[in-house]
Amino acid sequence: MLVISNLFKRLAQSTIWQDKIHEKYGITCYSKEPGDVLDPIILRQTCNILSLMPTKLVKDCGINRLYFSSTMGPNLSYFPNHGYFIDNSVTLNVNIFYHPDIMDDFFDYRGYFVDRPTQTVLHEFAHGYDGSHGNISQKSEWTKLSGWSPIPKPGLKQLVINQKGRPPIIGEWYFDPKAGFTRFYGKRNPYDDFADCFSFYIAGLSKLPENKKNYFDNLIKKYK
């Protein structure tokens, strides 16, 4: 009876947080795996992360479905299995909440940091904002900030990520090595550069390059 009672309590708490997220942002939360009960603690943390952004900004990301998956495997330092965006939905690996490891990438010189769940949620919602606004990360106003090119050009580099036990990740675009980035992952392509900078900007990390900070100052000011 105690097990049943705890299950109903967890279901009730989960429903409360699902309702909060839906009422405030119009986002419905689901478990990716049938039969899994959404962890109310994870839902509460997700709600708190979304509250870092103005409500209208969250809605302008165009996300209406938020999935939580327990089968994406352990979150790895260099392999992108923390979450993904597709078709107005974001899927998150629940392991980033249970093991919110903090890498050096998420610190700045002042000692400020952002944990893995926060950075991932903001990063994926940035992809939603990008797509909802005509793929602005591929327009010249953004691509010129890092010298992005979809084809090889003299002086440009291409990112290669190798992690033991995983296939290599090759950057899809070429970048200017003199450009400033939040971390290595933003060197894959202009849309991950955009999403990473968005997450660092919202989280208040000073590692954001000055030219990209100015870009987001102009982009986000209408929401303040």
N, C-alpha and C. Protein backbone atom coordinates (compact mmCIF):
# COMPACT_ATOMS: atom_id res chain seq x y z
N MET A 1 0.82 -1.21 0.00
CA MET A 1 0.00 0.00 0.00
C MET A 1 0.85 1.26 0.00
N LEU A 2 2.00 1.19 0.71
CA LEU A 2 2.87 2.36 0.78
C LEU A 2 3.43 2.69 -0.60
N VAL A 3 3.79 1.65 -1.39
CA VAL A 3 4.31 1.86 -2.73
C VAL A 3 3.26 2.52 -3.61
N ILE A 4 2.02 2.07 -3.53
CA ILE A 4 0.93 2.64 -4.30
C ILE A 4 0.70 4.09 -3.89
N SER A 5 0.74 4.34 -2.59
CA SER A 5 0.54 5.70 -2.08
C SER A 5 1.62 6.65 -2.59
N ASN A 6 2.88 6.18 -2.59
CA ASN A 6 3.98 7.02 -3.07
C ASN A 6 3.86 7.28 -4.57
N LEU A 7 3.39 6.26 -5.31
CA LEU A 7 3.21 6.43 -6.75
C LEU A 7 2.16 7.47 -7.05
N PHE A 8 1.03 7.42 -6.33
CA PHE A 8 -0.03 8.41 -6.54
C PHE A 8 0.44 9.81 -6.15
N LYS A 9 1.23 9.88 -5.09
CA LYS A 9 1.77 11.18 -4.67
C LYS A 9 2.69 11.74 -5.74
N ARG A 10 3.53 10.87 -6.32
CA ARG A 10 4.45 11.31 -7.37
C ARG A 10 3.68 11.74 -8.61
N LEU A 11 2.64 10.99 -8.96
CA LEU A 11 1.80 11.36 -10.10
C LEU A 11 1.14 12.71 -9.88
N ALA A 12 0.65 12.93 -8.66
CA ALA A 12 -0.03 14.19 -8.35
C ALA A 12 0.95 15.36 -8.44
N GLN A 13 2.15 15.19 -7.90
CA GLN A 13 3.16 16.24 -7.96
C GLN A 13 3.61 16.50 -9.39
N SER A 14 3.74 15.42 -10.17
CA SER A 14 4.12 15.56 -11.56
C SER A 14 3.06 16.35 -12.33
N THR A 15 1.80 16.05 -12.08
CA THR A 15 0.71 16.75 -12.76
C THR A 15 0.71 18.23 -12.44
N ILE A 16 1.01 18.56 -11.19
CA ILE A 16 1.05 19.98 -10.78
C ILE A 16 2.07 20.74 -11.62
N TRP A 17 3.28 20.17 -11.78
CA TRP A 17 4.33 20.86 -12.53
C TRP A 17 4.07 20.85 -14.03
N GLN A 18 3.48 19.77 -14.52
CA GLN A 18 3.10 19.76 -15.93
C GLN A 18 2.08 20.86 -16.22
N ASP A 19 1.12 21.01 -15.32
CA ASP A 19 0.10 22.05 -15.49
C ASP A 19 0.71 23.45 -15.43
N LYS A 20 1.66 23.65 -14.52
CA LYS A 20 2.32 24.96 -14.41
C LYS A 20 3.03 25.33 -15.71
N ILE A 21 3.77 24.36 -16.27
CA ILE A 21 4.52 24.61 -17.50
C ILE A 21 3.56 24.87 -18.66
N HIS A 22 2.47 24.12 -18.71
CA HIS A 22 1.51 24.31 -19.80
C HIS A 22 0.76 25.63 -19.68
N GLU A 23 0.35 25.96 -18.47
CA GLU A 23 -0.41 27.20 -18.27
C GLU A 23 0.43 28.44 -18.57
N LYS A 24 1.70 28.41 -18.19
CA LYS A 24 2.54 29.59 -18.36
C LYS A 24 3.12 29.71 -19.76
N TYR A 25 3.48 28.56 -20.35
CA TYR A 25 4.21 28.61 -21.62
C TYR A 25 3.51 27.91 -22.79
N GLY A 26 2.41 27.22 -22.52
CA GLY A 26 1.73 26.50 -23.60
C GLY A 26 2.49 25.26 -24.05
N ILE A 27 3.33 24.72 -23.16
CA ILE A 27 4.15 23.55 -23.48
C ILE A 27 3.61 22.32 -22.74
N THR A 28 3.38 21.24 -23.47
CA THR A 28 2.92 19.99 -22.87
C THR A 28 4.12 19.06 -22.67
N CYS A 29 4.21 18.48 -21.49
CA CYS A 29 5.33 17.60 -21.15
C CYS A 29 4.92 16.14 -21.28
N TYR A 30 5.83 15.35 -21.82
CA TYR A 30 5.58 13.92 -22.02
C TYR A 30 6.80 13.12 -21.60
N SER A 31 6.55 11.85 -21.26
CA SER A 31 7.64 10.90 -21.15
C SER A 31 7.85 10.27 -22.52
N LYS A 32 9.09 10.15 -22.96
CA LYS A 32 9.39 9.56 -24.26
C LYS A 32 9.11 8.06 -24.25
N GLU A 33 9.26 7.45 -23.07
CA GLU A 33 9.06 6.01 -22.96
C GLU A 33 7.71 5.73 -22.30
N PRO A 34 6.83 5.01 -22.98
CA PRO A 34 5.50 4.72 -22.42
C PRO A 34 5.59 4.06 -21.05
N GLY A 35 4.77 4.54 -20.13
CA GLY A 35 4.74 3.95 -18.80
C GLY A 35 5.61 4.66 -17.79
N ASP A 36 6.57 5.45 -18.24
CA ASP A 36 7.41 6.20 -17.31
C ASP A 36 6.62 7.36 -16.70
N VAL A 37 6.77 7.55 -15.41
CA VAL A 37 6.16 8.69 -14.73
C VAL A 37 7.17 9.83 -14.72
N LEU A 38 6.76 10.99 -15.17
CA LEU A 38 7.66 12.14 -15.18
C LEU A 38 8.03 12.52 -13.76
N ASP A 39 9.32 12.68 -13.54
CA ASP A 39 9.84 13.01 -12.21
C ASP A 39 9.46 14.45 -11.88
N PRO A 40 8.68 14.68 -10.81
CA PRO A 40 8.28 16.05 -10.48
C PRO A 40 9.46 16.96 -10.16
N ILE A 41 10.56 16.40 -9.66
CA ILE A 41 11.73 17.21 -9.35
C ILE A 41 12.36 17.73 -10.65
N ILE A 42 12.41 16.87 -11.68
CA ILE A 42 12.92 17.30 -12.97
C ILE A 42 12.01 18.34 -13.60
N LEU A 43 10.70 18.13 -13.50
CA LEU A 43 9.76 19.11 -14.04
C LEU A 43 9.88 20.45 -13.33
N ARG A 44 10.05 20.41 -12.02
CA ARG A 44 10.23 21.66 -11.27
C ARG A 44 11.49 22.37 -11.71
N GLN A 45 12.58 21.63 -11.87
CA GLN A 45 13.83 22.26 -12.31
C GLN A 45 13.68 22.83 -13.72
N THR A 46 13.01 22.11 -14.59
CA THR A 46 12.78 22.61 -15.95
C THR A 46 11.98 23.90 -15.92
N CYS A 47 10.95 23.94 -15.09
CA CYS A 47 10.15 25.16 -14.95
C CYS A 47 11.00 26.32 -14.46
N ASN A 48 11.88 26.04 -13.52
CA ASN A 48 12.76 27.09 -13.00
C ASN A 48 13.74 27.58 -14.06
N ILE A 49 14.23 26.65 -14.90
CA ILE A 49 15.14 27.04 -15.97
C ILE A 49 14.43 27.95 -16.98
N LEU A 50 13.21 27.57 -17.35
CA LEU A 50 12.45 28.38 -18.31
C LEU A 50 12.18 29.77 -17.76
N SER A 51 12.05 29.88 -16.44
CA SER A 51 11.76 31.18 -15.83
C SER A 51 12.94 32.14 -15.92
N LEU A 52 14.13 31.64 -16.34
CA LEU A 52 15.26 32.55 -16.57
C LEU A 52 15.00 33.46 -17.76
N MET A 53 14.08 33.03 -18.63
CA MET A 53 13.72 33.81 -19.81
C MET A 53 12.39 34.51 -19.59
N PRO A 54 12.20 35.70 -20.15
CA PRO A 54 10.87 36.30 -20.13
C PRO A 54 9.85 35.35 -20.77
N THR A 55 8.64 35.35 -20.25
CA THR A 55 7.62 34.42 -20.74
C THR A 55 7.42 34.53 -22.24
N LYS A 56 7.38 35.74 -22.77
CA LYS A 56 7.16 35.92 -24.20
C LYS A 56 8.32 35.34 -25.01
N LEU A 57 9.53 35.44 -24.49
CA LEU A 57 10.68 34.87 -25.18
C LEU A 57 10.55 33.35 -25.26
N VAL A 58 10.15 32.72 -24.17
CA VAL A 58 9.94 31.26 -24.19
C VAL A 58 8.92 30.89 -25.25
N LYS A 59 7.81 31.63 -25.27
CA LYS A 59 6.76 31.33 -26.25
C LYS A 59 7.24 31.57 -27.67
N ASP A 60 8.09 32.56 -27.86
CA ASP A 60 8.60 32.86 -29.20
C ASP A 60 9.60 31.82 -29.70
N CYS A 61 10.00 30.90 -28.81
CA CYS A 61 10.86 29.79 -29.25
C CYS A 61 10.05 28.75 -30.02
N GLY A 62 8.73 28.87 -29.94
CA GLY A 62 7.86 27.99 -30.74
C GLY A 62 7.80 26.55 -30.28
N ILE A 63 8.25 26.28 -29.05
CA ILE A 63 8.22 24.91 -28.54
C ILE A 63 6.85 24.63 -27.92
N ASN A 64 6.19 23.57 -28.36
CA ASN A 64 4.91 23.22 -27.73
C ASN A 64 4.90 21.82 -27.13
N ARG A 65 5.98 21.07 -27.31
CA ARG A 65 6.08 19.74 -26.70
C ARG A 65 7.48 19.57 -26.10
N LEU A 66 7.49 19.04 -24.89
CA LEU A 66 8.76 18.81 -24.18
C LEU A 66 8.77 17.35 -23.73
N TYR A 67 9.71 16.58 -24.29
CA TYR A 67 9.81 15.15 -23.98
C TYR A 67 11.00 14.90 -23.05
N PHE A 68 10.83 13.93 -22.17
CA PHE A 68 11.91 13.51 -21.29
C PHE A 68 12.17 12.03 -21.55
N SER A 69 13.44 11.71 -21.86
CA SER A 69 13.79 10.34 -22.24
C SER A 69 14.76 9.73 -21.23
N SER A 70 14.47 8.49 -20.86
CA SER A 70 15.35 7.77 -19.92
C SER A 70 16.22 6.75 -20.64
N THR A 71 16.22 6.76 -21.98
CA THR A 71 16.95 5.73 -22.73
C THR A 71 18.03 6.32 -23.65
N MET A 72 18.43 7.55 -23.40
CA MET A 72 19.44 8.18 -24.26
C MET A 72 20.86 7.92 -23.78
N GLY A 73 21.00 7.21 -22.66
CA GLY A 73 22.32 6.85 -22.17
C GLY A 73 22.93 7.93 -21.29
N PRO A 74 24.09 7.62 -20.68
CA PRO A 74 24.75 8.60 -19.81
C PRO A 74 25.19 9.82 -20.60
N ASN A 75 25.05 10.99 -19.97
CA ASN A 75 25.45 12.21 -20.67
C ASN A 75 26.98 12.30 -20.71
N LEU A 76 27.50 12.42 -21.92
CA LEU A 76 28.94 12.42 -22.13
C LEU A 76 29.44 13.84 -22.37
N SER A 77 30.72 14.04 -22.09
CA SER A 77 31.29 15.38 -22.17
C SER A 77 31.25 15.95 -23.59
N TYR A 78 31.58 15.11 -24.57
CA TYR A 78 31.75 15.63 -25.92
C TYR A 78 30.78 15.04 -26.95
N PHE A 79 29.91 14.17 -26.49
CA PHE A 79 28.97 13.56 -27.42
C PHE A 79 27.59 14.16 -27.19
N PRO A 80 26.94 14.69 -28.22
CA PRO A 80 25.70 15.45 -28.03
C PRO A 80 24.47 14.59 -27.83
N ASN A 81 24.38 13.92 -26.68
CA ASN A 81 23.18 13.14 -26.38
C ASN A 81 22.44 13.73 -25.18
N HIS A 82 22.58 15.02 -24.99
CA HIS A 82 21.93 15.67 -23.84
C HIS A 82 20.52 16.10 -24.16
N GLY A 83 20.26 16.41 -25.42
CA GLY A 83 18.94 16.82 -25.84
C GLY A 83 18.96 17.16 -27.32
N TYR A 84 17.77 17.30 -27.90
CA TYR A 84 17.70 17.71 -29.30
C TYR A 84 16.36 18.38 -29.59
N PHE A 85 16.37 19.21 -30.63
CA PHE A 85 15.19 19.93 -31.07
C PHE A 85 14.77 19.43 -32.44
N ILE A 86 13.46 19.20 -32.60
CA ILE A 86 12.93 18.83 -33.91
C ILE A 86 11.42 19.06 -33.90
N ASP A 87 10.92 19.66 -34.98
CA ASP A 87 9.48 19.84 -35.19
C ASP A 87 8.77 20.47 -33.99
N ASN A 88 9.24 21.61 -33.56
CA ASN A 88 8.61 22.35 -32.46
C ASN A 88 8.57 21.59 -31.13
N SER A 89 9.47 20.62 -31.00
CA SER A 89 9.55 19.89 -29.74
C SER A 89 11.01 19.77 -29.32
N VAL A 90 11.21 19.65 -28.02
CA VAL A 90 12.54 19.42 -27.46
C VAL A 90 12.50 18.13 -26.67
N THR A 91 13.50 17.28 -26.86
CA THR A 91 13.65 16.05 -26.09
C THR A 91 14.89 16.19 -25.21
N LEU A 92 14.75 15.88 -23.94
CA LEU A 92 15.84 16.00 -22.98
C LEU A 92 16.18 14.65 -22.39
N ASN A 93 17.46 14.41 -22.21
CA ASN A 93 17.97 13.21 -21.57
C ASN A 93 17.86 13.39 -20.06
N VAL A 94 17.07 12.54 -19.38
CA VAL A 94 16.88 12.73 -17.94
C VAL A 94 18.18 12.60 -17.17
N ASN A 95 19.19 11.95 -17.75
CA ASN A 95 20.46 11.79 -17.05
C ASN A 95 21.17 13.11 -16.79
N ILE A 96 20.87 14.15 -17.60
CA ILE A 96 21.51 15.44 -17.33
C ILE A 96 21.00 16.04 -16.04
N PHE A 97 19.80 15.61 -15.60
CA PHE A 97 19.26 16.09 -14.33
C PHE A 97 19.78 15.26 -13.16
N TYR A 98 19.94 13.98 -13.37
CA TYR A 98 20.44 13.11 -12.30
C TYR A 98 21.95 13.22 -12.11
N HIS A 99 22.64 13.64 -13.17
CA HIS A 99 24.11 13.80 -13.12
C HIS A 99 24.47 15.14 -13.76
N PRO A 100 24.15 16.23 -13.10
CA PRO A 100 24.36 17.57 -13.69
C PRO A 100 25.81 18.03 -13.60
N ASP A 101 26.70 17.20 -14.18
CA ASP A 101 28.12 17.52 -14.09
C ASP A 101 28.41 18.89 -14.69
N ILE A 102 29.38 19.57 -14.11
CA ILE A 102 29.73 20.92 -14.54
C ILE A 102 31.13 20.88 -15.15
N MET A 103 31.21 21.16 -16.43
CA MET A 103 32.49 21.16 -17.11
C MET A 103 33.15 22.53 -17.00
N ASP A 104 34.46 22.57 -17.28
CA ASP A 104 35.15 23.85 -17.30
C ASP A 104 34.51 24.81 -18.31
N ASP A 105 33.93 24.25 -19.37
CA ASP A 105 33.29 25.07 -20.39
C ASP A 105 32.19 25.95 -19.81
N PHE A 106 31.59 25.52 -18.71
CA PHE A 106 30.44 26.23 -18.17
C PHE A 106 30.80 27.17 -17.02
N PHE A 107 32.09 27.44 -16.86
CA PHE A 107 32.55 28.42 -15.89
C PHE A 107 33.03 29.68 -16.63
N ASP A 108 33.05 30.81 -15.93
CA ASP A 108 33.73 31.97 -16.48
C ASP A 108 34.73 32.48 -15.44
N TYR A 109 35.48 33.51 -15.81
CA TYR A 109 36.59 33.95 -14.95
C TYR A 109 36.11 34.49 -13.61
N ARG A 110 34.84 34.85 -13.49
CA ARG A 110 34.32 35.36 -12.22
C ARG A 110 33.93 34.23 -11.27
N GLY A 111 33.97 32.99 -11.78
CA GLY A 111 33.53 31.86 -10.98
C GLY A 111 32.08 31.53 -11.17
N TYR A 112 31.38 32.27 -12.03
CA TYR A 112 29.99 31.95 -12.32
C TYR A 112 29.94 30.66 -13.13
N PHE A 113 28.86 29.91 -12.97
CA PHE A 113 28.73 28.69 -13.76
C PHE A 113 27.27 28.43 -14.06
N VAL A 114 27.06 27.56 -15.03
CA VAL A 114 25.72 27.11 -15.36
C VAL A 114 25.78 25.58 -15.40
N ASP A 115 24.79 24.92 -14.80
CA ASP A 115 24.83 23.46 -14.80
C ASP A 115 24.36 22.90 -16.13
N ARG A 116 24.59 21.61 -16.31
CA ARG A 116 24.29 20.95 -17.58
C ARG A 116 22.80 21.04 -17.95
N PRO A 117 21.85 20.76 -17.03
CA PRO A 117 20.45 20.88 -17.42
C PRO A 117 20.08 22.28 -17.90
N THR A 118 20.56 23.30 -17.20
CA THR A 118 20.23 24.67 -17.59
C THR A 118 20.78 25.00 -18.97
N GLN A 119 22.06 24.67 -19.19
CA GLN A 119 22.67 24.98 -20.47
C GLN A 119 21.97 24.22 -21.60
N THR A 120 21.60 22.98 -21.35
CA THR A 120 20.97 22.16 -22.39
C THR A 120 19.58 22.68 -22.75
N VAL A 121 18.77 22.97 -21.74
CA VAL A 121 17.41 23.47 -22.01
C VAL A 121 17.48 24.78 -22.79
N LEU A 122 18.33 25.70 -22.34
CA LEU A 122 18.44 26.99 -23.03
C LEU A 122 18.97 26.81 -24.45
N HIS A 123 19.93 25.92 -24.62
CA HIS A 123 20.50 25.65 -25.94
C HIS A 123 19.44 25.13 -26.91
N GLU A 124 18.64 24.16 -26.45
CA GLU A 124 17.64 23.57 -27.34
C GLU A 124 16.50 24.54 -27.64
N PHE A 125 16.12 25.35 -26.67
CA PHE A 125 15.08 26.35 -26.93
C PHE A 125 15.59 27.42 -27.89
N ALA A 126 16.90 27.67 -27.85
CA ALA A 126 17.48 28.60 -28.82
C ALA A 126 17.33 28.09 -30.24
N HIS A 127 17.49 26.78 -30.42
CA HIS A 127 17.26 26.20 -31.74
C HIS A 127 15.82 26.45 -32.19
N GLY A 128 14.89 26.34 -31.23
CA GLY A 128 13.51 26.63 -31.55
C GLY A 128 13.30 28.07 -31.95
N TYR A 129 13.94 28.99 -31.22
CA TYR A 129 13.82 30.41 -31.56
C TYR A 129 14.40 30.67 -32.94
N ASP A 130 15.54 30.09 -33.20
CA ASP A 130 16.21 30.23 -34.50
C ASP A 130 15.27 29.80 -35.63
N GLY A 131 14.72 28.59 -35.51
CA GLY A 131 13.85 28.07 -36.55
C GLY A 131 12.55 28.85 -36.69
N SER A 132 12.02 29.33 -35.56
CA SER A 132 10.76 30.08 -35.59
C SER A 132 10.91 31.46 -36.19
N HIS A 133 12.14 31.92 -36.36
CA HIS A 133 12.39 33.26 -36.88
C HIS A 133 13.16 33.22 -38.20
N GLY A 134 12.90 32.17 -38.98
CA GLY A 134 13.46 32.10 -40.32
C GLY A 134 14.91 31.69 -40.40
N ASN A 135 15.36 30.87 -39.43
CA ASN A 135 16.76 30.40 -39.41
C ASN A 135 17.74 31.57 -39.43
N ILE A 136 17.58 32.44 -38.45
CA ILE A 136 18.41 33.65 -38.40
C ILE A 136 19.88 33.35 -38.20
N SER A 137 20.20 32.16 -37.69
CA SER A 137 21.61 31.82 -37.48
C SER A 137 22.35 31.61 -38.79
N GLN A 138 21.64 31.48 -39.90
CA GLN A 138 22.28 31.29 -41.20
C GLN A 138 22.27 32.56 -42.04
N LYS A 139 21.82 33.65 -41.43
CA LYS A 139 21.82 34.93 -42.14
C LYS A 139 23.12 35.68 -41.85
N SER A 140 23.47 36.56 -42.75
CA SER A 140 24.80 37.19 -42.71
C SER A 140 25.04 37.97 -41.43
N GLU A 141 23.99 38.53 -40.84
CA GLU A 141 24.18 39.31 -39.61
C GLU A 141 24.82 38.45 -38.53
N TRP A 142 24.49 37.15 -38.51
CA TRP A 142 25.09 36.24 -37.53
C TRP A 142 26.35 35.58 -38.06
N THR A 143 26.30 35.04 -39.27
CA THR A 143 27.43 34.24 -39.78
C THR A 143 28.72 35.06 -39.89
N LYS A 144 28.61 36.35 -40.14
CA LYS A 144 29.81 37.17 -40.28
C LYS A 144 30.58 37.29 -38.97
N LEU A 145 29.90 37.06 -37.84
CA LEU A 145 30.55 37.24 -36.53
C LEU A 145 31.63 36.19 -36.28
N SER A 146 31.54 35.04 -36.96
CA SER A 146 32.56 34.00 -36.82
C SER A 146 33.15 33.60 -38.15
N GLY A 147 32.84 34.36 -39.20
CA GLY A 147 33.37 34.05 -40.52
C GLY A 147 32.86 32.73 -41.07
N TRP A 148 31.63 32.35 -40.72
CA TRP A 148 31.11 31.05 -41.12
C TRP A 148 31.00 30.91 -42.64
N SER A 149 31.35 29.71 -43.11
CA SER A 149 31.21 29.39 -44.53
C SER A 149 30.80 27.92 -44.67
N PRO A 150 29.83 27.61 -45.52
CA PRO A 150 29.44 26.20 -45.71
C PRO A 150 30.43 25.42 -46.57
N ILE A 151 31.38 26.12 -47.16
CA ILE A 151 32.39 25.47 -48.00
C ILE A 151 33.79 25.85 -47.52
N PRO A 152 34.79 25.02 -47.80
CA PRO A 152 36.15 25.35 -47.37
C PRO A 152 36.65 26.63 -48.02
N LYS A 153 37.38 27.42 -47.24
CA LYS A 153 38.02 28.63 -47.75
C LYS A 153 39.37 28.78 -47.07
N PRO A 154 40.34 29.42 -47.74
CA PRO A 154 41.65 29.60 -47.13
C PRO A 154 41.56 30.29 -45.76
N GLY A 155 42.25 29.73 -44.78
CA GLY A 155 42.29 30.32 -43.46
C GLY A 155 41.19 29.85 -42.52
N LEU A 156 40.17 29.17 -43.03
CA LEU A 156 39.07 28.69 -42.19
C LEU A 156 39.36 27.28 -41.71
N LYS A 157 38.77 26.92 -40.56
CA LYS A 157 38.97 25.60 -39.99
C LYS A 157 37.64 24.86 -39.84
N GLN A 158 37.76 23.55 -39.64
CA GLN A 158 36.59 22.70 -39.44
C GLN A 158 36.77 21.93 -38.14
N LEU A 159 35.72 21.88 -37.32
CA LEU A 159 35.81 21.20 -36.03
C LEU A 159 35.76 19.68 -36.21
N VAL A 160 36.61 18.98 -35.45
CA VAL A 160 36.56 17.52 -35.38
C VAL A 160 36.55 17.14 -33.90
N ILE A 161 35.53 16.39 -33.47
CA ILE A 161 35.43 15.96 -32.08
C ILE A 161 35.59 14.44 -32.04
N ASN A 162 36.56 13.98 -31.26
CA ASN A 162 36.76 12.55 -31.08
C ASN A 162 36.59 12.21 -29.61
N GLN A 163 35.69 11.28 -29.34
CA GLN A 163 35.52 10.78 -27.98
C GLN A 163 35.56 9.26 -28.01
N LYS A 164 36.35 8.67 -27.14
CA LYS A 164 36.55 7.22 -27.13
C LYS A 164 35.21 6.49 -27.08
N GLY A 165 35.06 5.54 -27.97
CA GLY A 165 33.85 4.73 -27.99
C GLY A 165 32.71 5.34 -28.78
N ARG A 166 32.94 6.51 -29.36
CA ARG A 166 31.89 7.17 -30.14
C ARG A 166 32.44 7.54 -31.52
N PRO A 167 31.57 7.59 -32.52
CA PRO A 167 32.04 8.00 -33.84
C PRO A 167 32.46 9.47 -33.82
N PRO A 168 33.43 9.86 -34.63
CA PRO A 168 33.86 11.26 -34.65
C PRO A 168 32.74 12.17 -35.14
N ILE A 169 32.75 13.38 -34.64
CA ILE A 169 31.79 14.40 -35.07
C ILE A 169 32.57 15.43 -35.89
N ILE A 170 32.14 15.64 -37.10
CA ILE A 170 32.80 16.59 -37.98
C ILE A 170 31.91 17.82 -38.12
N GLY A 171 32.47 18.99 -37.89
CA GLY A 171 31.71 20.22 -38.06
C GLY A 171 31.18 20.37 -39.47
N GLU A 172 29.93 20.84 -39.58
CA GLU A 172 29.30 20.94 -40.89
C GLU A 172 29.72 22.20 -41.65
N TRP A 173 30.18 23.22 -40.93
CA TRP A 173 30.59 24.49 -41.54
C TRP A 173 32.04 24.77 -41.17
N TYR A 174 32.60 25.79 -41.81
CA TYR A 174 33.98 26.22 -41.58
C TYR A 174 33.97 27.59 -40.91
N PHE A 175 34.88 27.79 -39.96
CA PHE A 175 34.87 29.02 -39.16
C PHE A 175 36.25 29.68 -39.17
N ASP A 176 36.24 30.95 -38.82
CA ASP A 176 37.47 31.72 -38.68
C ASP A 176 38.10 31.39 -37.33
N PRO A 177 39.30 30.83 -37.28
CA PRO A 177 39.92 30.47 -35.99
C PRO A 177 40.18 31.67 -35.09
N LYS A 178 40.13 32.87 -35.64
CA LYS A 178 40.33 34.07 -34.81
C LYS A 178 39.03 34.51 -34.14
N ALA A 179 37.92 33.90 -34.51
CA ALA A 179 36.63 34.28 -33.94
C ALA A 179 36.52 33.79 -32.50
N GLY A 180 35.66 34.44 -31.73
CA GLY A 180 35.45 34.03 -30.35
C GLY A 180 34.23 33.13 -30.22
N PHE A 181 34.35 32.09 -29.40
CA PHE A 181 33.26 31.15 -29.18
C PHE A 181 33.05 30.94 -27.68
N THR A 182 31.85 30.53 -27.31
CA THR A 182 31.58 30.23 -25.91
C THR A 182 32.33 28.98 -25.47
N ARG A 183 32.35 27.96 -26.34
CA ARG A 183 33.05 26.70 -26.06
C ARG A 183 33.24 25.97 -27.38
N PHE A 184 33.88 24.81 -27.33
CA PHE A 184 34.22 24.07 -28.55
C PHE A 184 32.98 23.71 -29.37
N TYR A 185 31.87 23.40 -28.72
CA TYR A 185 30.71 22.86 -29.42
C TYR A 185 30.12 23.87 -30.40
N GLY A 186 30.26 25.15 -30.09
CA GLY A 186 29.73 26.18 -30.97
C GLY A 186 30.48 26.28 -32.29
N LYS A 187 31.61 25.57 -32.41
CA LYS A 187 32.39 25.62 -33.65
C LYS A 187 31.89 24.61 -34.68
N ARG A 188 30.82 23.90 -34.38
CA ARG A 188 30.29 22.91 -35.33
C ARG A 188 29.67 23.59 -36.55
N ASN A 189 28.87 24.60 -36.29
CA ASN A 189 28.09 25.24 -37.35
C ASN A 189 27.48 26.52 -36.77
N PRO A 190 26.93 27.40 -37.60
CA PRO A 190 26.39 28.67 -37.08
C PRO A 190 25.17 28.50 -36.20
N TYR A 191 24.39 27.42 -36.39
CA TYR A 191 23.20 27.26 -35.56
C TYR A 191 23.53 26.76 -34.16
N ASP A 192 24.57 25.91 -34.03
CA ASP A 192 24.99 25.54 -32.68
C ASP A 192 25.76 26.68 -32.01
N ASP A 193 26.47 27.46 -32.79
CA ASP A 193 27.10 28.67 -32.28
C ASP A 193 26.04 29.61 -31.70
N PHE A 194 24.98 29.82 -32.48
CA PHE A 194 23.86 30.67 -32.03
C PHE A 194 23.23 30.13 -30.75
N ALA A 195 22.94 28.82 -30.73
CA ALA A 195 22.27 28.22 -29.58
C ALA A 195 23.14 28.27 -28.34
N ASP A 196 24.44 28.02 -28.49
CA ASP A 196 25.35 28.08 -27.35
C ASP A 196 25.45 29.50 -26.81
N CYS A 197 25.57 30.47 -27.71
CA CYS A 197 25.67 31.86 -27.27
C CYS A 197 24.38 32.31 -26.59
N PHE A 198 23.25 31.89 -27.12
CA PHE A 198 21.96 32.19 -26.50
C PHE A 198 21.94 31.67 -25.06
N SER A 199 22.38 30.42 -24.87
CA SER A 199 22.33 29.82 -23.54
C SER A 199 23.27 30.54 -22.58
N PHE A 200 24.45 30.92 -23.03
CA PHE A 200 25.40 31.62 -22.18
C PHE A 200 24.90 33.04 -21.89
N TYR A 201 24.25 33.65 -22.87
CA TYR A 201 23.73 35.01 -22.67
C TYR A 201 22.63 35.00 -21.60
N ILE A 202 21.67 34.10 -21.74
CA ILE A 202 20.57 34.04 -20.78
C ILE A 202 21.09 33.68 -19.39
N ALA A 203 22.08 32.78 -19.33
CA ALA A 203 22.63 32.36 -18.04
C ALA A 203 23.56 33.40 -17.42
N GLY A 204 23.96 34.40 -18.21
CA GLY A 204 24.79 35.48 -17.67
C GLY A 204 26.26 35.17 -17.59
N LEU A 205 26.75 34.21 -18.37
CA LEU A 205 28.18 33.90 -18.35
C LEU A 205 28.95 34.91 -19.19
N SER A 206 30.04 35.41 -18.65
CA SER A 206 30.81 36.46 -19.32
C SER A 206 31.71 35.92 -20.43
N LYS A 207 31.73 34.61 -20.65
CA LYS A 207 32.56 34.04 -21.71
C LYS A 207 32.01 34.34 -23.10
N LEU A 208 30.85 34.94 -23.17
CA LEU A 208 30.26 35.28 -24.46
C LEU A 208 31.12 36.33 -25.15
N PRO A 209 31.60 36.07 -26.38
CA PRO A 209 32.40 37.06 -27.11
C PRO A 209 31.65 38.38 -27.25
N GLU A 210 32.36 39.49 -27.23
CA GLU A 210 31.74 40.81 -27.18
C GLU A 210 30.83 41.06 -28.39
N ASN A 211 31.28 40.68 -29.58
CA ASN A 211 30.44 40.95 -30.76
C ASN A 211 29.14 40.15 -30.72
N LYS A 212 29.19 38.96 -30.13
CA LYS A 212 27.98 38.14 -30.04
C LYS A 212 27.11 38.61 -28.87
N LYS A 213 27.72 39.12 -27.82
CA LYS A 213 26.94 39.72 -26.73
C LYS A 213 26.14 40.90 -27.26
N ASN A 214 26.77 41.74 -28.08
CA ASN A 214 26.07 42.88 -28.65
C ASN A 214 24.91 42.43 -29.54
N TYR A 215 25.12 41.35 -30.27
CA TYR A 215 24.07 40.79 -31.13
C TYR A 215 22.85 40.42 -30.27
N PHE A 216 23.10 39.71 -29.17
CA PHE A 216 21.99 39.28 -28.33
C PHE A 216 21.40 40.43 -27.51
N ASP A 217 22.20 41.42 -27.18
CA ASP A 217 21.64 42.62 -26.55
C ASP A 217 20.53 43.19 -27.43
N ASN A 218 20.80 43.29 -28.71
CA ASN A 218 19.83 43.84 -29.65
C ASN A 218 18.65 42.90 -29.87
N LEU A 219 18.94 41.58 -29.87
CA LEU A 219 17.89 40.61 -30.12
C LEU A 219 16.92 40.49 -28.95
N ILE A 220 17.45 40.52 -27.74
CA ILE A 220 16.65 40.23 -26.55
C ILE A 220 16.03 41.48 -25.92
N LYS A 221 16.51 42.66 -26.30
CA LYS A 221 16.06 43.88 -25.61
C LYS A 221 14.56 44.10 -25.69
N LYS A 222 13.91 43.61 -26.74
CA LYS A 222 12.46 43.80 -26.89
C LYS A 222 11.67 42.97 -25.88
N TYR A 223 12.33 42.02 -25.23
CA TYR A 223 11.66 41.18 -24.26
C TYR A 223 11.82 41.68 -22.82
N LYS A 224 12.64 42.69 -22.64
CA LYS A 224 12.93 43.15 -21.27
C LYS A 224 11.95 44.24 -20.85
